Full PDB file with SEQRES, HELIX, SHEET, SSBOND, CRYST1, ORIGX, SCALE, CONECT and MASTER records, all heavy atoms in Angstrom:
SEQRES   1 A   31  VAL LYS GLY ARG PHE THR ILE SER ARG ASP ASN ALA LYS          
SEQRES   2 A   31  ASN THR VAL TYR LEU GLN MET ASN SER LEU LYS PRO GLU          
SEQRES   3 A   31  ASP THR GLY VAL TYR                                          
HELIX    1 AA1 ASN A   11  LYS A   13  5                                   3    
HELIX    2 AA2 PRO A   25  ASP A   27  5                                   3    
SHEET    1 AA1 2 PHE A   5  ASP A  10  0                                        
SHEET    2 AA1 2 THR A  15  MET A  20 -1                                        
CRYST1    1.000    1.000    1.000  90.00  90.00  90.00 P 1           1          
ORIGX1      1.000000  0.000000  0.000000        0.00000                         
ORIGX2      0.000000  1.000000  0.000000        0.00000                         
ORIGX3      0.000000  0.000000  1.000000        0.00000                         
SCALE1      1.000000  0.000000  0.000000        0.00000                         
SCALE2      0.000000  1.000000  0.000000        0.00000                         
SCALE3      0.000000  0.000000  1.000000        0.00000                         
ATOM      1  N   VAL A   1       0.815  -1.225   0.000  1.00  0.00           N  
ATOM      2  CA  VAL A   1       0.000   0.000   0.000  1.00  0.00           C  
ATOM      3  C   VAL A   1       0.838   1.261   0.000  1.00  0.00           C  
ATOM      4  O   VAL A   1       0.295   2.366  -0.109  1.00  0.00           O  
ATOM      5  CB  VAL A   1      -0.963   0.023   1.209  1.00  0.00           C  
ATOM      6  CG1 VAL A   1      -1.803  -1.253   1.253  1.00  0.00           C  
ATOM      7  CG2 VAL A   1      -0.223   0.228   2.523  1.00  0.00           C  
ATOM      8  N   LYS A   2       2.126   1.125   0.112  1.00  0.00           N  
ATOM      9  CA  LYS A   2       3.012   2.280   0.186  1.00  0.00           C  
ATOM     10  C   LYS A   2       2.861   3.146  -1.069  1.00  0.00           C  
ATOM     11  O   LYS A   2       2.852   2.643  -2.192  1.00  0.00           O  
ATOM     12  CB  LYS A   2       4.454   1.807   0.339  1.00  0.00           C  
ATOM     13  CG  LYS A   2       5.415   2.827   0.909  1.00  0.00           C  
ATOM     14  CD  LYS A   2       6.758   2.186   1.205  1.00  0.00           C  
ATOM     15  CE  LYS A   2       6.657   1.125   2.288  1.00  0.00           C  
ATOM     16  NZ  LYS A   2       7.980   0.540   2.626  1.00  0.00           N  
ATOM     17  N   GLY A   3       2.704   4.447  -0.862  1.00  0.00           N  
ATOM     18  CA  GLY A   3       2.520   5.359  -1.977  1.00  0.00           C  
ATOM     19  C   GLY A   3       1.074   5.543  -2.386  1.00  0.00           C  
ATOM     20  O   GLY A   3       0.755   6.474  -3.142  1.00  0.00           O  
ATOM     21  N   ARG A   4       0.185   4.681  -1.904  1.00  0.00           N  
ATOM     22  CA  ARG A   4      -1.242   4.790  -2.247  1.00  0.00           C  
ATOM     23  C   ARG A   4      -2.095   5.133  -1.024  1.00  0.00           C  
ATOM     24  O   ARG A   4      -3.111   5.817  -1.145  1.00  0.00           O  
ATOM     25  CB  ARG A   4      -1.738   3.477  -2.853  1.00  0.00           C  
ATOM     26  CG  ARG A   4      -1.030   3.071  -4.120  1.00  0.00           C  
ATOM     27  CD  ARG A   4      -1.700   1.853  -4.766  1.00  0.00           C  
ATOM     28  NE  ARG A   4      -1.655   0.676  -3.906  1.00  0.00           N  
ATOM     29  CZ  ARG A   4      -2.738   0.000  -3.497  1.00  0.00           C  
ATOM     30  NH1 ARG A   4      -3.947   0.407  -3.858  1.00  0.00           N  
ATOM     31  NH2 ARG A   4      -2.607  -1.067  -2.734  1.00  0.00           N  
ATOM     32  N   PHE A   5      -1.719   4.614   0.129  1.00  0.00           N  
ATOM     33  CA  PHE A   5      -2.478   4.839   1.365  1.00  0.00           C  
ATOM     34  C   PHE A   5      -1.721   5.814   2.258  1.00  0.00           C  
ATOM     35  O   PHE A   5      -0.483   5.832   2.286  1.00  0.00           O  
ATOM     36  CB  PHE A   5      -2.671   3.540   2.131  1.00  0.00           C  
ATOM     37  CG  PHE A   5      -3.591   2.544   1.476  1.00  0.00           C  
ATOM     38  CD1 PHE A   5      -4.045   2.694   0.181  1.00  0.00           C  
ATOM     39  CD2 PHE A   5      -4.006   1.419   2.181  1.00  0.00           C  
ATOM     40  CE1 PHE A   5      -4.899   1.774  -0.409  1.00  0.00           C  
ATOM     41  CE2 PHE A   5      -4.849   0.487   1.613  1.00  0.00           C  
ATOM     42  CZ  PHE A   5      -5.281   0.662   0.306  1.00  0.00           C  
ATOM     43  N   THR A   6      -2.482   6.598   3.022  1.00  0.00           N  
ATOM     44  CA  THR A   6      -1.893   7.527   3.980  1.00  0.00           C  
ATOM     45  C   THR A   6      -2.642   7.423   5.301  1.00  0.00           C  
ATOM     46  O   THR A   6      -3.870   7.572   5.327  1.00  0.00           O  
ATOM     47  CB  THR A   6      -1.956   8.976   3.483  1.00  0.00           C  
ATOM     48  OG1 THR A   6      -1.288   9.083   2.225  1.00  0.00           O  
ATOM     49  CG2 THR A   6      -1.290   9.907   4.481  1.00  0.00           C  
ATOM     50  N   ILE A   7      -1.901   7.171   6.364  1.00  0.00           N  
ATOM     51  CA  ILE A   7      -2.490   7.113   7.694  1.00  0.00           C  
ATOM     52  C   ILE A   7      -2.228   8.441   8.402  1.00  0.00           C  
ATOM     53  O   ILE A   7      -1.157   9.050   8.234  1.00  0.00           O  
ATOM     54  CB  ILE A   7      -1.919   5.925   8.507  1.00  0.00           C  
ATOM     55  CG1 ILE A   7      -2.716   5.696   9.788  1.00  0.00           C  
ATOM     56  CG2 ILE A   7      -0.439   6.122   8.810  1.00  0.00           C  
ATOM     57  CD1 ILE A   7      -2.352   4.398  10.509  1.00  0.00           C  
ATOM     58  N   SER A   8      -3.215   8.887   9.165  1.00  0.00           N  
ATOM     59  CA  SER A   8      -3.057  10.133   9.913  1.00  0.00           C  
ATOM     60  C   SER A   8      -3.886  10.033  11.183  1.00  0.00           C  
ATOM     61  O   SER A   8      -4.707   9.128  11.335  1.00  0.00           O  
ATOM     62  CB  SER A   8      -3.490  11.333   9.077  1.00  0.00           C  
ATOM     63  OG  SER A   8      -4.851  11.236   8.715  1.00  0.00           O  
ATOM     64  N   ARG A   9      -3.657  10.986  12.099  1.00  0.00           N  
ATOM     65  CA  ARG A   9      -4.436  10.969  13.332  1.00  0.00           C  
ATOM     66  C   ARG A   9      -4.759  12.381  13.759  1.00  0.00           C  
ATOM     67  O   ARG A   9      -4.035  13.323  13.460  1.00  0.00           O  
ATOM     68  CB  ARG A   9      -3.716  10.217  14.471  1.00  0.00           C  
ATOM     69  CG  ARG A   9      -2.772  11.101  15.304  1.00  0.00           C  
ATOM     70  CD  ARG A   9      -1.358  10.823  15.014  1.00  0.00           C  
ATOM     71  NE  ARG A   9      -0.471  11.441  15.979  1.00  0.00           N  
ATOM     72  CZ  ARG A   9       0.192  12.572  15.772  1.00  0.00           C  
ATOM     73  NH1 ARG A   9       0.026  13.235  14.645  1.00  0.00           N  
ATOM     74  NH2 ARG A   9       1.007  13.060  16.684  1.00  0.00           N  
ATOM     75  N   ASP A  10      -5.884  12.484  14.462  1.00  0.00           N  
ATOM     76  CA  ASP A  10      -6.309  13.735  15.074  1.00  0.00           C  
ATOM     77  C   ASP A  10      -6.394  13.467  16.571  1.00  0.00           C  
ATOM     78  O   ASP A  10      -7.366  12.867  17.051  1.00  0.00           O  
ATOM     79  CB  ASP A  10      -7.663  14.166  14.511  1.00  0.00           C  
ATOM     80  CG  ASP A  10      -8.114  15.527  15.026  1.00  0.00           C  
ATOM     81  OD1 ASP A  10      -7.728  15.905  16.152  1.00  0.00           O  
ATOM     82  OD2 ASP A  10      -8.872  16.202  14.304  1.00  0.00           O  
ATOM     83  N   ASN A  11      -5.369  13.882  17.293  1.00  0.00           N  
ATOM     84  CA  ASN A  11      -5.307  13.563  18.715  1.00  0.00           C  
ATOM     85  C   ASN A  11      -6.470  14.183  19.496  1.00  0.00           C  
ATOM     86  O   ASN A  11      -6.974  13.584  20.439  1.00  0.00           O  
ATOM     87  CB  ASN A  11      -3.987  14.031  19.302  1.00  0.00           C  
ATOM     88  CG  ASN A  11      -2.825  13.200  18.811  1.00  0.00           C  
ATOM     89  OD1 ASN A  11      -2.767  12.811  17.653  1.00  0.00           O  
ATOM     90  ND2 ASN A  11      -1.876  12.927  19.689  1.00  0.00           N  
ATOM     91  N   ALA A  12      -6.898  15.364  19.083  1.00  0.00           N  
ATOM     92  CA  ALA A  12      -7.987  16.034  19.792  1.00  0.00           C  
ATOM     93  C   ALA A  12      -9.287  15.256  19.684  1.00  0.00           C  
ATOM     94  O   ALA A  12     -10.117  15.264  20.593  1.00  0.00           O  
ATOM     95  CB  ALA A  12      -8.169  17.442  19.254  1.00  0.00           C  
ATOM     96  N   LYS A  13      -9.456  14.561  18.565  1.00  0.00           N  
ATOM     97  CA  LYS A  13     -10.679  13.791  18.339  1.00  0.00           C  
ATOM     98  C   LYS A  13     -10.479  12.308  18.638  1.00  0.00           C  
ATOM     99  O   LYS A  13     -11.416  11.520  18.477  1.00  0.00           O  
ATOM    100  CB  LYS A  13     -11.146  13.963  16.895  1.00  0.00           C  
ATOM    101  CG  LYS A  13     -11.563  15.372  16.528  1.00  0.00           C  
ATOM    102  CD  LYS A  13     -12.044  15.429  15.089  1.00  0.00           C  
ATOM    103  CE  LYS A  13     -12.498  16.833  14.717  1.00  0.00           C  
ATOM    104  NZ  LYS A  13     -12.976  16.916  13.311  1.00  0.00           N  
ATOM    105  N   ASN A  14      -9.260  11.920  19.026  1.00  0.00           N  
ATOM    106  CA  ASN A  14      -8.964  10.494  19.247  1.00  0.00           C  
ATOM    107  C   ASN A  14      -9.386   9.658  18.039  1.00  0.00           C  
ATOM    108  O   ASN A  14     -10.003   8.591  18.192  1.00  0.00           O  
ATOM    109  CB  ASN A  14      -9.660   9.987  20.508  1.00  0.00           C  
ATOM    110  CG  ASN A  14      -8.957  10.422  21.770  1.00  0.00           C  
ATOM    111  OD1 ASN A  14      -7.784  10.797  21.739  1.00  0.00           O  
ATOM    112  ND2 ASN A  14      -9.661  10.389  22.884  1.00  0.00           N  
ATOM    113  N   THR A  15      -9.064  10.145  16.875  1.00  0.00           N  
ATOM    114  CA  THR A  15      -9.483   9.495  15.634  1.00  0.00           C  
ATOM    115  C   THR A  15      -8.282   9.289  14.715  1.00  0.00           C  
ATOM    116  O   THR A  15      -7.419  10.166  14.608  1.00  0.00           O  
ATOM    117  CB  THR A  15     -10.555  10.317  14.917  1.00  0.00           C  
ATOM    118  OG1 THR A  15     -11.691  10.463  15.777  1.00  0.00           O  
ATOM    119  CG2 THR A  15     -10.995   9.644  13.625  1.00  0.00           C  
ATOM    120  N   VAL A  16      -8.250   8.124  14.105  1.00  0.00           N  
ATOM    121  CA  VAL A  16      -7.223   7.788  13.128  1.00  0.00           C  
ATOM    122  C   VAL A  16      -7.906   7.592  11.780  1.00  0.00           C  
ATOM    123  O   VAL A  16      -9.007   7.045  11.711  1.00  0.00           O  
ATOM    124  CB  VAL A  16      -6.469   6.518  13.544  1.00  0.00           C  
ATOM    125  CG1 VAL A  16      -5.489   6.077  12.468  1.00  0.00           C  
ATOM    126  CG2 VAL A  16      -5.722   6.753  14.849  1.00  0.00           C  
ATOM    127  N   TYR A  17      -7.219   8.017  10.727  1.00  0.00           N  
ATOM    128  CA  TYR A  17      -7.777   7.934   9.384  1.00  0.00           C  
ATOM    129  C   TYR A  17      -6.862   7.099   8.492  1.00  0.00           C  
ATOM    130  O   TYR A  17      -5.655   7.022   8.710  1.00  0.00           O  
ATOM    131  CB  TYR A  17      -7.920   9.334   8.781  1.00  0.00           C  
ATOM    132  CG  TYR A  17      -8.727  10.282   9.634  1.00  0.00           C  
ATOM    133  CD1 TYR A  17      -8.099  11.163  10.510  1.00  0.00           C  
ATOM    134  CD2 TYR A  17     -10.114  10.290   9.570  1.00  0.00           C  
ATOM    135  CE1 TYR A  17      -8.831  12.031  11.302  1.00  0.00           C  
ATOM    136  CE2 TYR A  17     -10.851  11.157  10.359  1.00  0.00           C  
ATOM    137  CZ  TYR A  17     -10.209  12.021  11.224  1.00  0.00           C  
ATOM    138  OH  TYR A  17     -10.941  12.873  12.007  1.00  0.00           O  
ATOM    139  N   LEU A  18      -7.467   6.515   7.471  1.00  0.00           N  
ATOM    140  CA  LEU A  18      -6.704   5.836   6.442  1.00  0.00           C  
ATOM    141  C   LEU A  18      -7.248   6.300   5.102  1.00  0.00           C  
ATOM    142  O   LEU A  18      -8.346   5.905   4.705  1.00  0.00           O  
ATOM    143  CB  LEU A  18      -6.805   4.315   6.566  1.00  0.00           C  
ATOM    144  CG  LEU A  18      -5.921   3.524   5.608  1.00  0.00           C  
ATOM    145  CD1 LEU A  18      -4.450   3.728   5.965  1.00  0.00           C  
ATOM    146  CD2 LEU A  18      -6.278   2.045   5.624  1.00  0.00           C  
ATOM    147  N   GLN A  19      -6.497   7.156   4.436  1.00  0.00           N  
ATOM    148  CA  GLN A  19      -6.866   7.619   3.105  1.00  0.00           C  
ATOM    149  C   GLN A  19      -6.323   6.619   2.094  1.00  0.00           C  
ATOM    150  O   GLN A  19      -5.113   6.377   2.046  1.00  0.00           O  
ATOM    151  CB  GLN A  19      -6.278   9.011   2.846  1.00  0.00           C  
ATOM    152  CG  GLN A  19      -6.561   9.547   1.457  1.00  0.00           C  
ATOM    153  CD  GLN A  19      -8.034   9.820   1.223  1.00  0.00           C  
ATOM    154  OE1 GLN A  19      -8.712  10.378   2.076  1.00  0.00           O  
ATOM    155  NE2 GLN A  19      -8.538   9.428   0.057  1.00  0.00           N  
ATOM    156  N   MET A  20      -7.220   6.048   1.313  1.00  0.00           N  
ATOM    157  CA  MET A  20      -6.841   5.016   0.361  1.00  0.00           C  
ATOM    158  C   MET A  20      -7.099   5.519  -1.048  1.00  0.00           C  
ATOM    159  O   MET A  20      -8.257   5.771  -1.411  1.00  0.00           O  
ATOM    160  CB  MET A  20      -7.633   3.735   0.633  1.00  0.00           C  
ATOM    161  CG  MET A  20      -7.511   3.246   2.072  1.00  0.00           C  
ATOM    162  SD  MET A  20      -8.305   1.648   2.347  1.00  0.00           S  
ATOM    163  CE  MET A  20     -10.011   2.080   2.043  1.00  0.00           C  
ATOM    164  N   ASN A  21      -6.043   5.667  -1.821  1.00  0.00           N  
ATOM    165  CA  ASN A  21      -6.141   6.133  -3.199  1.00  0.00           C  
ATOM    166  C   ASN A  21      -5.677   5.040  -4.156  1.00  0.00           C  
ATOM    167  O   ASN A  21      -5.022   4.081  -3.753  1.00  0.00           O  
ATOM    168  CB  ASN A  21      -5.284   7.382  -3.397  1.00  0.00           C  
ATOM    169  CG  ASN A  21      -5.726   8.543  -2.530  1.00  0.00           C  
ATOM    170  OD1 ASN A  21      -6.915   8.702  -2.235  1.00  0.00           O  
ATOM    171  ND2 ASN A  21      -4.777   9.373  -2.128  1.00  0.00           N  
ATOM    172  N   SER A  22      -6.018   5.212  -5.409  1.00  0.00           N  
ATOM    173  CA  SER A  22      -5.617   4.248  -6.453  1.00  0.00           C  
ATOM    174  C   SER A  22      -5.940   2.826  -6.027  1.00  0.00           C  
ATOM    175  O   SER A  22      -5.098   1.921  -6.137  1.00  0.00           O  
ATOM    176  CB  SER A  22      -4.124   4.394  -6.756  1.00  0.00           C  
ATOM    177  OG  SER A  22      -3.817   5.701  -7.165  1.00  0.00           O  
ATOM    178  N   LEU A  23      -7.136   2.622  -5.569  1.00  0.00           N  
ATOM    179  CA  LEU A  23      -7.518   1.316  -5.038  1.00  0.00           C  
ATOM    180  C   LEU A  23      -7.517   0.252  -6.117  1.00  0.00           C  
ATOM    181  O   LEU A  23      -7.838   0.516  -7.289  1.00  0.00           O  
ATOM    182  CB  LEU A  23      -8.886   1.403  -4.371  1.00  0.00           C  
ATOM    183  CG  LEU A  23      -8.864   2.044  -2.982  1.00  0.00           C  
ATOM    184  CD1 LEU A  23     -10.264   2.505  -2.584  1.00  0.00           C  
ATOM    185  CD2 LEU A  23      -8.316   1.066  -1.964  1.00  0.00           C  
ATOM    186  N   LYS A  24      -7.156  -0.957  -5.709  1.00  0.00           N  
ATOM    187  CA  LYS A  24      -7.082  -2.109  -6.599  1.00  0.00           C  
ATOM    188  C   LYS A  24      -8.025  -3.192  -6.084  1.00  0.00           C  
ATOM    189  O   LYS A  24      -8.338  -3.235  -4.886  1.00  0.00           O  
ATOM    190  CB  LYS A  24      -5.651  -2.655  -6.609  1.00  0.00           C  
ATOM    191  CG  LYS A  24      -4.588  -1.646  -6.977  1.00  0.00           C  
ATOM    192  CD  LYS A  24      -3.203  -2.254  -6.850  1.00  0.00           C  
ATOM    193  CE  LYS A  24      -2.116  -1.246  -7.192  1.00  0.00           C  
ATOM    194  NZ  LYS A  24      -0.758  -1.833  -7.060  1.00  0.00           N  
ATOM    195  N   PRO A  25      -8.463  -4.091  -6.952  1.00  0.00           N  
ATOM    196  CA  PRO A  25      -9.325  -5.192  -6.488  1.00  0.00           C  
ATOM    197  C   PRO A  25      -8.695  -5.990  -5.347  1.00  0.00           C  
ATOM    198  O   PRO A  25      -9.417  -6.464  -4.458  1.00  0.00           O  
ATOM    199  CB  PRO A  25      -9.495  -6.044  -7.744  1.00  0.00           C  
ATOM    200  CG  PRO A  25      -9.381  -5.064  -8.863  1.00  0.00           C  
ATOM    201  CD  PRO A  25      -8.328  -4.085  -8.416  1.00  0.00           C  
ATOM    202  N   GLU A  26      -7.396  -6.126  -5.345  1.00  0.00           N  
ATOM    203  CA  GLU A  26      -6.736  -6.883  -4.276  1.00  0.00           C  
ATOM    204  C   GLU A  26      -6.745  -6.160  -2.934  1.00  0.00           C  
ATOM    205  O   GLU A  26      -6.321  -6.713  -1.919  1.00  0.00           O  
ATOM    206  CB  GLU A  26      -5.301  -7.247  -4.661  1.00  0.00           C  
ATOM    207  CG  GLU A  26      -4.462  -6.086  -5.151  1.00  0.00           C  
ATOM    208  CD  GLU A  26      -4.431  -5.987  -6.671  1.00  0.00           C  
ATOM    209  OE1 GLU A  26      -5.512  -6.152  -7.298  1.00  0.00           O  
ATOM    210  OE2 GLU A  26      -3.340  -5.742  -7.218  1.00  0.00           O  
ATOM    211  N   ASP A  27      -7.219  -4.923  -2.897  1.00  0.00           N  
ATOM    212  CA  ASP A  27      -7.384  -4.209  -1.630  1.00  0.00           C  
ATOM    213  C   ASP A  27      -8.702  -4.587  -0.938  1.00  0.00           C  
ATOM    214  O   ASP A  27      -8.956  -4.162   0.190  1.00  0.00           O  
ATOM    215  CB  ASP A  27      -7.361  -2.697  -1.848  1.00  0.00           C  
ATOM    216  CG  ASP A  27      -6.018  -2.184  -2.318  1.00  0.00           C  
ATOM    217  OD1 ASP A  27      -4.986  -2.651  -1.791  1.00  0.00           O  
ATOM    218  OD2 ASP A  27      -5.999  -1.321  -3.225  1.00  0.00           O  
ATOM    219  N   THR A  28      -9.510  -5.354  -1.604  1.00  0.00           N  
ATOM    220  CA  THR A  28     -10.807  -5.759  -1.048  1.00  0.00           C  
ATOM    221  C   THR A  28     -10.632  -6.570   0.227  1.00  0.00           C  
ATOM    222  O   THR A  28      -9.764  -7.440   0.302  1.00  0.00           O  
ATOM    223  CB  THR A  28     -11.592  -6.583  -2.081  1.00  0.00           C  
ATOM    224  OG1 THR A  28     -11.926  -5.734  -3.186  1.00  0.00           O  
ATOM    225  CG2 THR A  28     -12.868  -7.157  -1.484  1.00  0.00           C  
ATOM    226  N   GLY A  29     -11.471  -6.280   1.211  1.00  0.00           N  
ATOM    227  CA  GLY A  29     -11.456  -7.025   2.459  1.00  0.00           C  
ATOM    228  C   GLY A  29     -12.139  -6.248   3.561  1.00  0.00           C  
ATOM    229  O   GLY A  29     -12.628  -5.133   3.338  1.00  0.00           O  
ATOM    230  N   VAL A  30     -12.168  -6.849   4.733  1.00  0.00           N  
ATOM    231  CA  VAL A  30     -12.661  -6.149   5.913  1.00  0.00           C  
ATOM    232  C   VAL A  30     -11.470  -5.449   6.553  1.00  0.00           C  
ATOM    233  O   VAL A  30     -10.447  -6.086   6.830  1.00  0.00           O  
ATOM    234  CB  VAL A  30     -13.319  -7.120   6.907  1.00  0.00           C  
ATOM    235  CG1 VAL A  30     -13.785  -6.355   8.153  1.00  0.00           C  
ATOM    236  CG2 VAL A  30     -14.485  -7.845   6.250  1.00  0.00           C  
ATOM    237  N   TYR A  31     -11.620  -4.173   6.774  1.00  0.00           N  
ATOM    238  CA  TYR A  31     -10.552  -3.368   7.361  1.00  0.00           C  
ATOM    239  C   TYR A  31     -10.846  -3.142   8.841  1.00  0.00           C  
ATOM    240  O   TYR A  31     -11.940  -2.712   9.211  1.00  0.00           O  
ATOM    241  CB  TYR A  31     -10.422  -2.038   6.631  1.00  0.00           C  
ATOM    242  CG  TYR A  31      -9.689  -2.162   5.322  1.00  0.00           C  
ATOM    243  CD1 TYR A  31     -10.242  -2.857   4.261  1.00  0.00           C  
ATOM    244  CD2 TYR A  31      -8.413  -1.615   5.160  1.00  0.00           C  
ATOM    245  CE1 TYR A  31      -9.558  -3.005   3.061  1.00  0.00           C  
ATOM    246  CE2 TYR A  31      -7.723  -1.744   3.961  1.00  0.00           C  
ATOM    247  CZ  TYR A  31      -8.301  -2.447   2.922  1.00  0.00           C  
ATOM    248  OH  TYR A  31      -7.615  -2.584   1.730  1.00  0.00           O  
TER     249      TYR A  31                                                      
MASTER        0    0    0    2    2    0    0    6  248    1    0    3          
END                                                                             
């Protein structure tokens, strides 16, 4: 996923994000 996905966090909201770009069929699954 390197170069396509970006993980980030918002400490104030206690929330983590995963931005997924250029998705491929092999990315399918339960996250």
